[in-house]
N, C-alpha and C. Protein backbone atom coordinates (compact mmCIF):
# COMPACT_ATOMS: atom_id res chain seq x y z
N UNK A 1 110.19 181.21 158.39
CA UNK A 1 110.34 182.59 157.99
C UNK A 1 110.60 182.71 156.49
N UNK A 2 111.45 181.81 155.99
CA UNK A 2 111.77 181.86 154.57
C UNK A 2 110.54 181.56 153.73
N UNK A 3 109.72 180.61 154.19
CA UNK A 3 108.50 180.26 153.44
C UNK A 3 107.50 181.42 153.45
N UNK A 4 107.41 182.12 154.61
CA UNK A 4 106.52 183.27 154.68
C UNK A 4 106.96 184.38 153.75
N UNK A 5 108.29 184.63 153.71
CA UNK A 5 108.80 185.66 152.81
C UNK A 5 108.53 185.30 151.36
N UNK A 6 108.68 184.01 151.03
CA UNK A 6 108.42 183.57 149.66
C UNK A 6 106.96 183.73 149.29
N UNK A 7 106.07 183.39 150.23
CA UNK A 7 104.65 183.54 149.95
C UNK A 7 104.24 185.00 149.78
N UNK A 8 104.80 185.88 150.63
CA UNK A 8 104.48 187.31 150.49
C UNK A 8 105.00 187.87 149.18
N UNK A 9 106.22 187.45 148.78
CA UNK A 9 106.75 187.93 147.50
C UNK A 9 105.90 187.44 146.34
N UNK A 10 105.46 186.18 146.40
CA UNK A 10 104.61 185.66 145.33
C UNK A 10 103.28 186.39 145.29
N UNK A 11 102.75 186.73 146.50
CA UNK A 11 101.50 187.48 146.53
C UNK A 11 101.64 188.86 145.93
N UNK A 12 102.75 189.53 146.26
CA UNK A 12 102.99 190.86 145.66
C UNK A 12 103.19 190.76 144.16
N UNK A 13 103.85 189.70 143.71
CA UNK A 13 104.06 189.52 142.28
C UNK A 13 102.73 189.31 141.56
N UNK A 14 101.85 188.52 142.16
CA UNK A 14 100.54 188.31 141.54
C UNK A 14 99.74 189.60 141.48
N UNK A 15 99.82 190.41 142.55
CA UNK A 15 99.12 191.69 142.54
C UNK A 15 99.68 192.62 141.48
N UNK A 16 101.01 192.61 141.32
CA UNK A 16 101.64 193.49 140.33
C UNK A 16 101.30 193.09 138.91
N UNK A 17 101.16 191.76 138.68
CA UNK A 17 100.86 191.28 137.34
C UNK A 17 99.38 191.22 137.05
N UNK A 18 98.55 191.46 138.08
CA UNK A 18 97.10 191.39 137.87
C UNK A 18 96.62 192.54 137.01
N UNK A 19 97.19 193.73 137.21
CA UNK A 19 96.76 194.89 136.44
C UNK A 19 97.08 194.78 134.96
N UNK A 20 98.33 194.48 134.57
CA UNK A 20 98.65 194.39 133.14
C UNK A 20 97.88 193.32 132.40
N UNK A 21 97.35 192.30 133.11
CA UNK A 21 96.57 191.28 132.41
C UNK A 21 95.26 191.85 131.85
N UNK A 22 94.76 192.91 132.47
CA UNK A 22 93.53 193.53 132.01
C UNK A 22 93.78 194.65 131.00
N UNK A 23 95.02 194.83 130.59
CA UNK A 23 95.38 195.93 129.69
C UNK A 23 95.88 195.32 128.38
N UNK A 24 95.51 195.94 127.31
CA UNK A 24 96.01 195.53 126.00
C UNK A 24 97.43 196.08 125.84
N UNK A 25 98.42 195.20 125.94
CA UNK A 25 99.83 195.59 125.95
C UNK A 25 100.44 195.66 124.56
N UNK A 26 99.65 195.50 123.51
CA UNK A 26 100.20 195.52 122.16
C UNK A 26 100.60 196.95 121.78
N UNK A 27 101.84 197.11 121.38
CA UNK A 27 102.33 198.42 120.95
C UNK A 27 102.73 199.35 122.08
N UNK A 28 102.64 198.90 123.33
CA UNK A 28 103.00 199.75 124.46
C UNK A 28 104.47 199.56 124.81
N UNK A 29 105.08 200.63 125.23
CA UNK A 29 106.45 200.59 125.70
C UNK A 29 106.49 200.54 127.22
N UNK A 30 107.52 199.91 127.76
CA UNK A 30 107.70 199.81 129.20
C UNK A 30 108.78 200.82 129.60
N UNK A 31 108.35 201.95 130.12
CA UNK A 31 109.25 203.03 130.48
C UNK A 31 109.58 202.94 131.96
N UNK A 32 110.85 203.09 132.28
CA UNK A 32 111.34 203.00 133.66
C UNK A 32 111.86 204.38 134.06
N UNK A 33 111.32 204.92 135.15
CA UNK A 33 111.74 206.22 135.68
C UNK A 33 112.36 206.01 137.05
N UNK A 34 113.52 206.59 137.25
CA UNK A 34 114.21 206.53 138.53
C UNK A 34 113.90 207.80 139.30
N UNK A 35 113.22 207.65 140.45
CA UNK A 35 112.80 208.80 141.24
C UNK A 35 113.86 209.26 142.22
N UNK A 36 115.02 208.70 142.20
CA UNK A 36 116.06 209.06 143.16
C UNK A 36 116.59 210.46 142.87
N UNK A 37 116.44 211.37 143.84
CA UNK A 37 116.93 212.73 143.70
C UNK A 37 116.05 213.63 142.85
N UNK A 38 114.90 213.14 142.37
CA UNK A 38 114.01 213.94 141.54
C UNK A 38 113.00 214.69 142.40
N UNK A 39 112.60 215.88 141.93
CA UNK A 39 111.59 216.67 142.62
C UNK A 39 110.22 216.06 142.34
N UNK A 40 109.38 216.00 143.36
CA UNK A 40 108.10 215.29 143.27
C UNK A 40 107.21 215.86 142.17
N UNK A 41 107.03 217.16 142.11
CA UNK A 41 106.13 217.75 141.13
C UNK A 41 106.61 217.56 139.70
N UNK A 42 107.89 217.78 139.45
CA UNK A 42 108.43 217.62 138.09
C UNK A 42 108.36 216.16 137.66
N UNK A 43 108.65 215.25 138.59
CA UNK A 43 108.57 213.82 138.26
C UNK A 43 107.13 213.42 137.94
N UNK A 44 106.18 213.89 138.74
CA UNK A 44 104.78 213.54 138.50
C UNK A 44 104.28 214.09 137.17
N UNK A 45 104.70 215.28 136.79
CA UNK A 45 104.27 215.84 135.50
C UNK A 45 104.80 215.01 134.33
N UNK A 46 106.03 214.53 134.42
CA UNK A 46 106.57 213.69 133.35
C UNK A 46 105.87 212.33 133.31
N UNK A 47 105.57 211.77 134.48
CA UNK A 47 104.87 210.49 134.52
C UNK A 47 103.48 210.63 133.91
N UNK A 48 102.78 211.70 134.23
CA UNK A 48 101.43 211.90 133.69
C UNK A 48 101.46 212.06 132.16
N UNK A 49 102.48 212.72 131.64
CA UNK A 49 102.57 212.87 130.18
C UNK A 49 102.86 211.53 129.52
N UNK A 50 103.67 210.68 130.17
CA UNK A 50 103.96 209.35 129.60
C UNK A 50 102.73 208.47 129.64
N UNK A 51 101.98 208.51 130.75
CA UNK A 51 100.80 207.66 130.89
C UNK A 51 99.72 208.07 129.88
N UNK A 52 99.56 209.35 129.64
CA UNK A 52 98.56 209.82 128.68
C UNK A 52 99.00 209.68 127.23
N UNK A 53 100.30 209.48 127.01
CA UNK A 53 100.81 209.38 125.65
C UNK A 53 101.01 210.71 124.98
N UNK A 54 101.27 211.75 125.78
CA UNK A 54 101.46 213.08 125.21
C UNK A 54 102.79 213.21 124.47
N UNK A 55 103.71 212.27 124.69
CA UNK A 55 104.99 212.32 123.97
C UNK A 55 104.93 211.59 122.63
N UNK A 56 103.74 211.22 122.19
CA UNK A 56 103.56 210.54 120.91
C UNK A 56 102.84 211.45 119.92
N UNK A 57 103.13 211.31 118.65
CA UNK A 57 102.40 212.14 117.66
C UNK A 57 100.95 211.71 117.47
N UNK A 58 100.56 210.52 117.96
CA UNK A 58 99.20 210.02 117.80
C UNK A 58 98.32 210.33 119.01
N UNK A 59 98.74 211.29 119.83
CA UNK A 59 97.98 211.59 121.05
C UNK A 59 96.62 212.20 120.71
N UNK A 60 95.61 211.72 121.43
CA UNK A 60 94.25 212.25 121.31
C UNK A 60 93.60 212.20 122.68
N UNK A 61 92.69 213.12 122.92
CA UNK A 61 92.07 213.22 124.24
C UNK A 61 91.17 212.03 124.55
N UNK A 62 90.56 211.43 123.53
CA UNK A 62 89.59 210.37 123.74
C UNK A 62 90.19 208.97 123.58
N UNK A 63 91.52 208.87 123.45
CA UNK A 63 92.15 207.56 123.27
C UNK A 63 93.21 207.38 124.33
N UNK A 64 93.38 206.13 124.73
CA UNK A 64 94.38 205.78 125.73
C UNK A 64 95.60 205.20 125.02
N UNK A 65 96.51 206.07 124.61
CA UNK A 65 97.72 205.64 123.91
C UNK A 65 98.95 205.70 124.79
N UNK A 66 98.77 205.79 126.10
CA UNK A 66 99.91 205.91 126.99
C UNK A 66 100.68 204.61 127.15
N UNK A 67 101.89 204.71 127.64
CA UNK A 67 102.76 203.56 127.84
C UNK A 67 102.72 203.11 129.29
N UNK A 68 103.23 201.91 129.53
CA UNK A 68 103.39 201.41 130.89
C UNK A 68 104.55 202.15 131.55
N UNK A 69 104.34 202.61 132.75
CA UNK A 69 105.33 203.42 133.45
C UNK A 69 105.69 202.74 134.76
N UNK A 70 106.97 202.44 134.94
CA UNK A 70 107.47 201.79 136.15
C UNK A 70 108.38 202.78 136.85
N UNK A 71 108.03 203.13 138.07
CA UNK A 71 108.79 204.10 138.86
C UNK A 71 109.50 203.34 139.97
N UNK A 72 110.80 203.52 140.08
CA UNK A 72 111.59 202.86 141.11
C UNK A 72 112.22 203.91 142.03
N UNK A 73 112.66 203.46 143.19
CA UNK A 73 113.30 204.32 144.20
C UNK A 73 112.37 205.46 144.62
N UNK A 74 111.11 205.10 144.89
CA UNK A 74 110.14 206.12 145.30
C UNK A 74 110.47 206.69 146.67
N UNK A 75 111.19 205.95 147.48
CA UNK A 75 111.52 206.43 148.82
C UNK A 75 112.56 207.54 148.81
N UNK A 76 113.25 207.73 147.68
CA UNK A 76 114.31 208.74 147.58
C UNK A 76 113.87 209.98 146.82
N UNK A 77 112.57 210.17 146.66
CA UNK A 77 112.09 211.37 145.96
C UNK A 77 112.28 212.58 146.86
N UNK A 78 112.44 213.75 146.25
CA UNK A 78 112.72 214.98 146.99
C UNK A 78 111.57 215.97 146.82
N UNK A 79 111.49 216.90 147.77
CA UNK A 79 110.53 218.00 147.70
C UNK A 79 111.27 219.28 148.01
N UNK A 80 110.73 220.40 147.53
CA UNK A 80 111.38 221.70 147.73
C UNK A 80 110.69 222.44 148.87
N UNK A 81 111.43 223.40 149.42
CA UNK A 81 110.87 224.23 150.48
C UNK A 81 110.61 223.45 151.75
N UNK A 82 109.51 223.79 152.42
CA UNK A 82 109.12 223.14 153.68
C UNK A 82 107.93 222.21 153.51
N UNK A 83 107.76 221.67 152.30
CA UNK A 83 106.62 220.80 152.04
C UNK A 83 106.66 219.52 152.86
N UNK A 84 107.84 219.09 153.27
CA UNK A 84 107.93 217.84 154.01
C UNK A 84 107.17 217.91 155.33
N UNK A 85 107.10 219.09 155.94
CA UNK A 85 106.40 219.26 157.20
C UNK A 85 105.11 220.07 157.08
N UNK A 86 104.99 220.90 156.04
CA UNK A 86 103.83 221.79 155.90
C UNK A 86 102.74 221.23 154.99
N UNK A 87 103.05 220.19 154.21
CA UNK A 87 102.05 219.60 153.31
C UNK A 87 101.32 218.47 154.05
N UNK A 88 99.99 218.48 153.96
CA UNK A 88 99.17 217.48 154.66
C UNK A 88 98.20 216.84 153.68
N UNK A 89 97.93 215.56 153.91
CA UNK A 89 96.91 214.81 153.18
C UNK A 89 95.70 214.64 154.09
N UNK A 90 94.51 214.94 153.56
CA UNK A 90 93.28 214.88 154.34
C UNK A 90 92.35 213.82 153.75
N UNK A 91 91.64 213.11 154.62
CA UNK A 91 90.61 212.16 154.21
C UNK A 91 89.61 211.99 155.35
N UNK A 92 88.45 211.51 155.01
CA UNK A 92 87.36 211.35 155.98
C UNK A 92 86.96 209.89 156.03
N UNK A 93 86.77 209.38 157.25
CA UNK A 93 86.42 207.98 157.42
C UNK A 93 84.94 207.69 157.19
N UNK A 94 84.12 208.72 157.16
CA UNK A 94 82.68 208.54 157.00
C UNK A 94 81.90 208.74 158.27
N UNK A 95 82.58 208.71 159.41
CA UNK A 95 81.92 208.96 160.69
C UNK A 95 81.97 210.45 161.03
N UNK A 96 81.09 210.86 161.91
CA UNK A 96 80.99 212.27 162.26
C UNK A 96 82.25 212.72 163.00
N UNK A 97 82.86 213.78 162.51
CA UNK A 97 84.03 214.33 163.17
C UNK A 97 85.33 213.58 162.95
N UNK A 98 85.34 212.60 162.05
CA UNK A 98 86.54 211.79 161.82
C UNK A 98 87.27 212.26 160.56
N UNK A 99 87.65 213.52 160.54
CA UNK A 99 88.49 214.06 159.47
C UNK A 99 89.94 213.82 159.84
N UNK A 100 90.62 213.02 159.05
CA UNK A 100 91.99 212.63 159.35
C UNK A 100 92.95 213.44 158.49
N UNK A 101 94.16 213.55 158.98
CA UNK A 101 95.21 214.22 158.22
C UNK A 101 96.55 213.56 158.53
N UNK A 102 97.46 213.67 157.57
CA UNK A 102 98.79 213.08 157.71
C UNK A 102 99.78 213.94 156.94
N UNK A 103 100.89 214.23 157.55
CA UNK A 103 101.89 215.08 156.89
C UNK A 103 102.64 214.28 155.83
N UNK A 104 103.29 215.01 154.96
CA UNK A 104 104.07 214.35 153.90
C UNK A 104 105.21 213.52 154.47
N UNK A 105 105.81 214.00 155.55
CA UNK A 105 106.90 213.26 156.17
C UNK A 105 106.42 211.91 156.71
N UNK A 106 105.26 211.90 157.37
CA UNK A 106 104.70 210.65 157.89
C UNK A 106 104.26 209.72 156.77
N UNK A 107 103.74 210.30 155.69
CA UNK A 107 103.31 209.46 154.57
C UNK A 107 104.52 208.83 153.87
N UNK A 108 105.63 209.56 153.78
CA UNK A 108 106.85 208.98 153.20
C UNK A 108 107.35 207.83 154.07
N UNK A 109 107.24 207.96 155.39
CA UNK A 109 107.68 206.87 156.27
C UNK A 109 106.73 205.68 156.19
N UNK A 110 105.43 205.93 156.00
CA UNK A 110 104.44 204.86 155.97
C UNK A 110 104.43 204.15 154.62
N UNK A 111 104.25 204.90 153.55
CA UNK A 111 104.21 204.34 152.19
C UNK A 111 104.58 205.43 151.21
N UNK A 112 105.80 205.39 150.72
CA UNK A 112 106.28 206.44 149.81
C UNK A 112 105.68 206.32 148.41
N UNK A 113 105.19 205.14 148.05
CA UNK A 113 104.62 204.97 146.71
C UNK A 113 103.32 205.76 146.55
N UNK A 114 102.56 205.91 147.64
CA UNK A 114 101.29 206.64 147.56
C UNK A 114 101.52 208.13 147.33
N UNK A 115 102.67 208.64 147.76
CA UNK A 115 102.96 210.06 147.54
C UNK A 115 103.04 210.36 146.04
N UNK A 116 103.78 209.54 145.31
CA UNK A 116 103.91 209.74 143.87
C UNK A 116 102.60 209.43 143.17
N UNK A 117 101.89 208.39 143.62
CA UNK A 117 100.63 208.01 142.97
C UNK A 117 99.60 209.13 143.08
N UNK A 118 99.46 209.71 144.26
CA UNK A 118 98.48 210.79 144.44
C UNK A 118 98.87 212.02 143.64
N UNK A 119 100.17 212.32 143.56
CA UNK A 119 100.62 213.47 142.79
C UNK A 119 100.32 213.28 141.31
N UNK A 120 100.49 212.06 140.81
CA UNK A 120 100.25 211.79 139.39
C UNK A 120 98.76 211.78 139.08
N UNK A 121 97.95 211.11 139.93
CA UNK A 121 96.52 210.99 139.65
C UNK A 121 95.82 212.34 139.71
N UNK A 122 96.32 213.25 140.53
CA UNK A 122 95.71 214.58 140.56
C UNK A 122 96.06 215.41 139.32
N UNK A 123 97.04 214.97 138.54
CA UNK A 123 97.40 215.66 137.30
C UNK A 123 96.68 215.08 136.08
N UNK A 124 96.00 213.95 136.25
CA UNK A 124 95.29 213.34 135.14
C UNK A 124 93.87 213.90 135.05
N UNK A 125 93.32 213.99 133.85
CA UNK A 125 91.92 214.46 133.72
C UNK A 125 90.95 213.45 134.29
N UNK A 126 89.87 213.95 134.89
CA UNK A 126 88.85 213.08 135.50
C UNK A 126 87.84 212.68 134.43
N UNK A 127 88.13 211.58 133.74
CA UNK A 127 87.23 211.07 132.71
C UNK A 127 87.22 209.54 132.78
N UNK A 128 86.68 208.90 131.77
CA UNK A 128 86.55 207.45 131.78
C UNK A 128 87.90 206.74 131.65
N UNK A 129 88.91 207.44 131.18
CA UNK A 129 90.23 206.83 131.00
C UNK A 129 91.09 206.94 132.26
N UNK A 130 90.56 207.53 133.31
CA UNK A 130 91.35 207.78 134.52
C UNK A 130 91.80 206.46 135.17
N UNK A 131 90.89 205.50 135.30
CA UNK A 131 91.23 204.23 135.95
C UNK A 131 92.18 203.40 135.09
N UNK A 132 91.97 203.41 133.77
CA UNK A 132 92.87 202.65 132.89
C UNK A 132 94.29 203.21 132.94
N UNK A 133 94.40 204.53 133.01
CA UNK A 133 95.74 205.13 133.11
C UNK A 133 96.37 204.87 134.46
N UNK A 134 95.53 204.73 135.48
CA UNK A 134 96.06 204.39 136.79
C UNK A 134 96.66 202.98 136.78
N UNK A 135 96.08 202.07 136.01
CA UNK A 135 96.63 200.71 135.93
C UNK A 135 97.98 200.68 135.21
N UNK A 136 98.23 201.66 134.35
CA UNK A 136 99.52 201.69 133.64
C UNK A 136 100.67 202.14 134.52
N UNK A 137 100.38 202.59 135.72
CA UNK A 137 101.41 203.13 136.60
C UNK A 137 101.77 202.09 137.66
N UNK A 138 103.06 201.77 137.74
CA UNK A 138 103.57 200.83 138.74
C UNK A 138 104.71 201.51 139.49
N UNK A 139 104.54 201.64 140.80
CA UNK A 139 105.50 202.36 141.64
C UNK A 139 106.06 201.42 142.68
N UNK A 140 107.39 201.49 142.89
CA UNK A 140 108.07 200.63 143.86
C UNK A 140 109.02 201.49 144.68
N UNK A 141 109.05 201.18 145.98
CA UNK A 141 109.87 201.97 146.90
C UNK A 141 111.35 201.76 146.67
N UNK A 142 111.76 200.56 146.29
CA UNK A 142 113.17 200.26 146.05
C UNK A 142 113.49 200.20 144.57
N UNK A 143 114.62 199.59 144.28
CA UNK A 143 115.08 199.48 142.89
C UNK A 143 114.67 198.18 142.22
N UNK A 144 113.97 197.29 142.92
CA UNK A 144 113.56 196.00 142.38
C UNK A 144 112.10 196.05 141.95
N UNK A 145 111.82 195.38 140.83
CA UNK A 145 110.45 195.28 140.32
C UNK A 145 110.33 193.96 139.57
N UNK A 146 109.11 193.43 139.44
CA UNK A 146 108.94 192.09 138.84
C UNK A 146 108.79 192.09 137.32
N UNK A 147 109.19 193.16 136.65
CA UNK A 147 109.02 193.23 135.20
C UNK A 147 110.37 193.17 134.48
N UNK A 148 111.27 192.36 135.00
CA UNK A 148 112.59 192.26 134.38
C UNK A 148 112.59 191.56 133.04
N UNK A 149 111.54 190.74 132.76
CA UNK A 149 111.49 190.02 131.49
C UNK A 149 110.88 190.85 130.37
N UNK A 150 110.44 192.06 130.67
CA UNK A 150 109.85 192.93 129.66
C UNK A 150 110.92 193.77 128.96
N UNK A 151 110.64 194.23 127.74
CA UNK A 151 111.61 195.12 127.05
C UNK A 151 111.57 196.53 127.65
N UNK A 152 112.36 196.78 128.66
CA UNK A 152 112.32 198.04 129.39
C UNK A 152 113.12 199.11 128.67
N UNK A 153 112.62 200.35 128.76
CA UNK A 153 113.30 201.51 128.19
C UNK A 153 113.47 202.56 129.29
N UNK A 154 114.70 202.92 129.62
CA UNK A 154 114.88 203.97 130.65
C UNK A 154 114.43 205.32 130.14
N UNK A 155 113.69 206.03 130.98
CA UNK A 155 113.19 207.36 130.64
C UNK A 155 114.17 208.40 131.18
N UNK A 156 114.64 209.26 130.31
CA UNK A 156 115.59 210.32 130.70
C UNK A 156 114.80 211.59 130.99
N UNK A 157 114.97 212.09 132.20
CA UNK A 157 114.28 213.32 132.58
C UNK A 157 114.84 214.50 131.80
N UNK A 158 113.99 215.39 131.31
CA UNK A 158 114.49 216.57 130.59
C UNK A 158 115.26 217.49 131.53
N UNK A 159 116.18 218.29 131.00
CA UNK A 159 116.95 219.19 131.87
C UNK A 159 116.05 220.22 132.54
N UNK A 160 116.40 220.52 133.76
CA UNK A 160 115.59 221.46 134.53
C UNK A 160 115.79 222.87 134.01
N UNK A 161 114.68 223.57 133.77
CA UNK A 161 114.74 224.94 133.31
C UNK A 161 114.79 225.87 134.52
N UNK A 162 115.76 226.77 134.49
CA UNK A 162 115.90 227.71 135.58
C UNK A 162 114.84 228.80 135.45
N UNK A 163 114.03 228.97 136.48
CA UNK A 163 112.97 229.96 136.44
C UNK A 163 113.55 231.37 136.50
N UNK A 164 112.96 232.24 135.71
CA UNK A 164 113.41 233.62 135.72
C UNK A 164 113.18 234.25 137.09
N UNK A 165 114.06 235.17 137.41
CA UNK A 165 113.99 235.81 138.72
C UNK A 165 112.80 236.77 138.79
N UNK A 166 112.18 236.81 139.95
CA UNK A 166 111.04 237.68 140.14
C UNK A 166 111.49 239.14 140.14
N UNK A 167 110.56 240.08 139.83
CA UNK A 167 110.97 241.49 139.72
C UNK A 167 111.58 242.04 140.99
N UNK A 168 111.01 241.72 142.14
CA UNK A 168 111.58 242.25 143.38
C UNK A 168 112.98 241.70 143.64
N UNK A 169 113.14 240.42 143.40
CA UNK A 169 114.47 239.82 143.60
C UNK A 169 115.48 240.39 142.61
N UNK A 170 115.01 240.65 141.36
CA UNK A 170 115.91 241.21 140.36
C UNK A 170 116.36 242.62 140.75
N UNK A 171 115.40 243.45 141.20
CA UNK A 171 115.76 244.80 141.62
C UNK A 171 116.68 244.80 142.84
N UNK A 172 116.42 243.89 143.77
CA UNK A 172 117.30 243.79 144.95
C UNK A 172 118.70 243.37 144.54
N UNK A 173 118.80 242.44 143.58
CA UNK A 173 120.12 242.02 143.11
C UNK A 173 120.84 243.16 142.41
N UNK A 174 120.12 243.94 141.59
CA UNK A 174 120.74 245.07 140.88
C UNK A 174 121.23 246.11 141.89
N UNK A 175 120.42 246.39 142.92
CA UNK A 175 120.85 247.35 143.94
C UNK A 175 122.08 246.88 144.67
N UNK A 176 122.12 245.59 145.00
CA UNK A 176 123.29 245.06 145.70
C UNK A 176 124.54 245.15 144.83
N UNK A 177 124.38 244.86 143.52
CA UNK A 177 125.53 244.96 142.62
C UNK A 177 126.01 246.41 142.51
N UNK A 178 125.07 247.37 142.39
CA UNK A 178 125.47 248.77 142.31
C UNK A 178 126.16 249.23 143.59
N UNK A 179 125.65 248.79 144.72
CA UNK A 179 126.25 249.17 145.99
C UNK A 179 127.67 248.62 146.11
N UNK A 180 127.86 247.37 145.68
CA UNK A 180 129.20 246.79 145.72
C UNK A 180 130.15 247.54 144.79
N UNK A 181 129.66 247.92 143.60
CA UNK A 181 130.51 248.69 142.67
C UNK A 181 130.88 250.06 143.26
N UNK A 182 129.91 250.72 143.90
CA UNK A 182 130.21 252.01 144.51
C UNK A 182 131.23 251.88 145.64
N UNK A 183 131.11 250.83 146.44
CA UNK A 183 132.09 250.61 147.50
C UNK A 183 133.48 250.36 146.93
N UNK A 184 133.56 249.61 145.84
CA UNK A 184 134.86 249.38 145.21
C UNK A 184 135.44 250.67 144.66
N UNK A 185 134.59 251.49 144.03
CA UNK A 185 135.08 252.76 143.50
C UNK A 185 135.56 253.69 144.62
N UNK A 186 134.82 253.72 145.75
CA UNK A 186 135.24 254.54 146.88
C UNK A 186 136.56 254.07 147.45
N UNK A 187 136.74 252.75 147.51
CA UNK A 187 138.00 252.22 148.03
C UNK A 187 139.15 252.58 147.11
N UNK A 188 138.93 252.46 145.78
CA UNK A 188 139.98 252.83 144.83
C UNK A 188 140.32 254.32 144.92
N UNK A 189 139.27 255.19 145.05
CA UNK A 189 139.51 256.63 145.13
C UNK A 189 140.26 257.00 146.40
N UNK A 190 139.88 256.36 147.52
CA UNK A 190 140.60 256.64 148.77
C UNK A 190 142.04 256.18 148.69
N UNK A 191 142.28 255.03 148.03
CA UNK A 191 143.66 254.57 147.87
C UNK A 191 144.47 255.50 147.00
N UNK A 192 143.86 255.99 145.90
CA UNK A 192 144.57 256.91 145.03
C UNK A 192 144.87 258.23 145.75
N UNK A 193 143.89 258.72 146.52
CA UNK A 193 144.11 259.98 147.24
C UNK A 193 145.20 259.82 148.28
N UNK A 194 145.24 258.68 148.94
CA UNK A 194 146.31 258.46 149.92
C UNK A 194 147.66 258.40 149.24
N UNK A 195 147.74 257.76 148.07
CA UNK A 195 149.01 257.70 147.35
C UNK A 195 149.45 259.09 146.89
N UNK A 196 148.48 259.88 146.39
CA UNK A 196 148.84 261.22 145.91
C UNK A 196 149.30 262.11 147.07
N UNK A 197 148.65 262.02 148.23
CA UNK A 197 149.08 262.81 149.39
C UNK A 197 150.45 262.37 149.86
N UNK A 198 150.72 261.09 149.79
CA UNK A 198 152.06 260.62 150.17
C UNK A 198 153.12 261.14 149.22
N UNK A 199 152.82 261.13 147.93
CA UNK A 199 153.79 261.66 146.97
C UNK A 199 154.03 263.15 147.18
N UNK A 200 152.98 263.93 147.47
CA UNK A 200 153.15 265.36 147.74
C UNK A 200 154.02 265.57 148.98
N UNK A 201 153.79 264.76 149.99
CA UNK A 201 154.59 264.89 151.21
C UNK A 201 156.07 264.61 150.93
N UNK A 202 156.31 263.59 150.09
CA UNK A 202 157.70 263.29 149.73
C UNK A 202 158.33 264.44 148.96
N UNK A 203 157.59 265.07 148.06
CA UNK A 203 158.14 266.19 147.29
C UNK A 203 158.47 267.37 148.20
N UNK A 204 157.58 267.65 149.15
CA UNK A 204 157.87 268.76 150.08
C UNK A 204 159.09 268.47 150.91
N UNK A 205 159.26 267.24 151.32
CA UNK A 205 160.46 266.88 152.10
C UNK A 205 161.71 267.06 151.26
N UNK A 206 161.65 266.62 149.99
CA UNK A 206 162.81 266.79 149.11
C UNK A 206 163.14 268.28 148.92
N UNK A 207 162.10 269.11 148.73
CA UNK A 207 162.35 270.54 148.56
C UNK A 207 162.97 271.15 149.81
N UNK A 208 162.51 270.75 150.96
CA UNK A 208 163.06 271.28 152.21
C UNK A 208 164.52 270.87 152.37
N UNK A 209 164.85 269.66 152.06
CA UNK A 209 166.25 269.21 152.15
C UNK A 209 167.13 269.96 151.16
N UNK A 210 166.62 270.21 149.99
CA UNK A 210 167.41 270.98 149.01
C UNK A 210 167.62 272.41 149.50
N UNK A 211 166.58 273.02 150.12
CA UNK A 211 166.73 274.37 150.66
C UNK A 211 167.76 274.41 151.77
N UNK A 212 167.78 273.41 152.61
CA UNK A 212 168.77 273.36 153.70
C UNK A 212 170.18 273.22 153.14
N UNK A 213 170.31 272.39 152.12
CA UNK A 213 171.65 272.22 151.53
C UNK A 213 172.14 273.54 150.93
N UNK A 214 171.26 274.24 150.24
CA UNK A 214 171.67 275.52 149.64
C UNK A 214 171.97 276.57 150.72
N UNK A 215 171.17 276.52 151.81
CA UNK A 215 171.44 277.47 152.90
C UNK A 215 172.76 277.21 153.59
N UNK A 216 173.18 275.96 153.65
CA UNK A 216 174.47 275.62 154.28
C UNK A 216 175.63 275.96 153.35
N UNK A 217 175.46 275.69 152.06
CA UNK A 217 176.56 275.89 151.12
C UNK A 217 176.76 277.36 150.73
N UNK A 218 175.72 278.20 150.81
CA UNK A 218 175.82 279.59 150.36
C UNK A 218 176.87 280.41 151.14
N UNK A 219 176.96 280.37 152.47
CA UNK A 219 178.01 281.13 153.16
C UNK A 219 179.42 280.69 152.79
N UNK A 220 179.56 279.38 152.55
CA UNK A 220 180.90 278.88 152.19
C UNK A 220 181.34 279.45 150.84
N UNK A 221 180.40 279.52 149.93
CA UNK A 221 180.74 280.06 148.61
C UNK A 221 181.10 281.55 148.72
N UNK A 222 180.32 282.28 149.57
CA UNK A 222 180.60 283.72 149.74
C UNK A 222 181.97 283.93 150.38
N UNK A 223 182.35 283.16 151.37
CA UNK A 223 183.68 283.29 152.01
C UNK A 223 184.78 282.97 151.02
N UNK A 224 184.60 281.95 150.26
CA UNK A 224 185.65 281.60 149.27
C UNK A 224 185.84 282.72 148.24
N UNK A 225 184.75 283.35 147.85
CA UNK A 225 184.87 284.47 146.89
C UNK A 225 185.60 285.69 147.54
N UNK A 226 185.29 285.95 148.84
CA UNK A 226 185.93 287.07 149.52
C UNK A 226 187.42 286.82 149.71
N UNK A 227 187.81 285.61 149.99
CA UNK A 227 189.23 285.32 150.14
C UNK A 227 189.99 285.47 148.82
N UNK A 228 189.37 285.16 147.79
CA UNK A 228 190.00 285.30 146.49
C UNK A 228 190.24 286.76 146.16
N UNK A 229 189.31 287.61 146.58
CA UNK A 229 189.52 289.02 146.32
C UNK A 229 190.64 289.58 147.20
C-alpha cells in the first residue's frame, strides 16, 4: 500500500511539473491564492486577471505576461444563493440522446478543482493564448502542492465592495423606517397624553379635597364669630 501511494504521488508530481516545463518561467511570479471561504465568481475573476497579467503595467492583449497561479483549498470554496443545487454543468458524449448534466454539489464532491478551472477558463478570451494561460493555472483540493521550492508570493484578495441597494429594496427600507418612526411618535404621544390626563385628575382631586375642607371649617368659623358677639 505504501509503495502504491508513493507511485501515485510521484505520478501526480510528474503531471504537475509537466506543464511548467513547456512554459518560459523567466520573469514570472508564483502567486498562491487560498480559496478557503472565498466566493467562486470573485475568486475566478481575480485568478483570470493574474493569469492574463492585467495587474502589470506591461499588459497587452497579444502578449502572455501572466504569472503562475497556484490555487489551494479548492474544496472549501463558497457560492452564493442556491447555486449549489440550481447550477448544472452540461456536456454531450457524442452519441444520440446522451446529453449529460451534473449539479454543482455533485461536481464539488467528485472533483472540486474542475469547478474553479471551468469558472476561470470561461472568463478568459478565446484566442491563441487560451491554452498557454490554462497551463499557468494549478489548482489543488487541499493545502499541499509540489511547488514548495519555488519563490511563492501569497496573493491578497481585494476587499469586497458592498453592492448598492436596488431601488425597490431602498424604497421598502425607507418605508419601514418611516413606519417605525411614526409608531415611536404615536407611542410617545399616547404616553404624554396619559401623563397629562393623570395630572389633571390629580389636580381635580386636590381641588375637591380643598373644597371639602373649606366646607367643614366654614360653619365652625361662623359659630365662633357668633359666640364672640
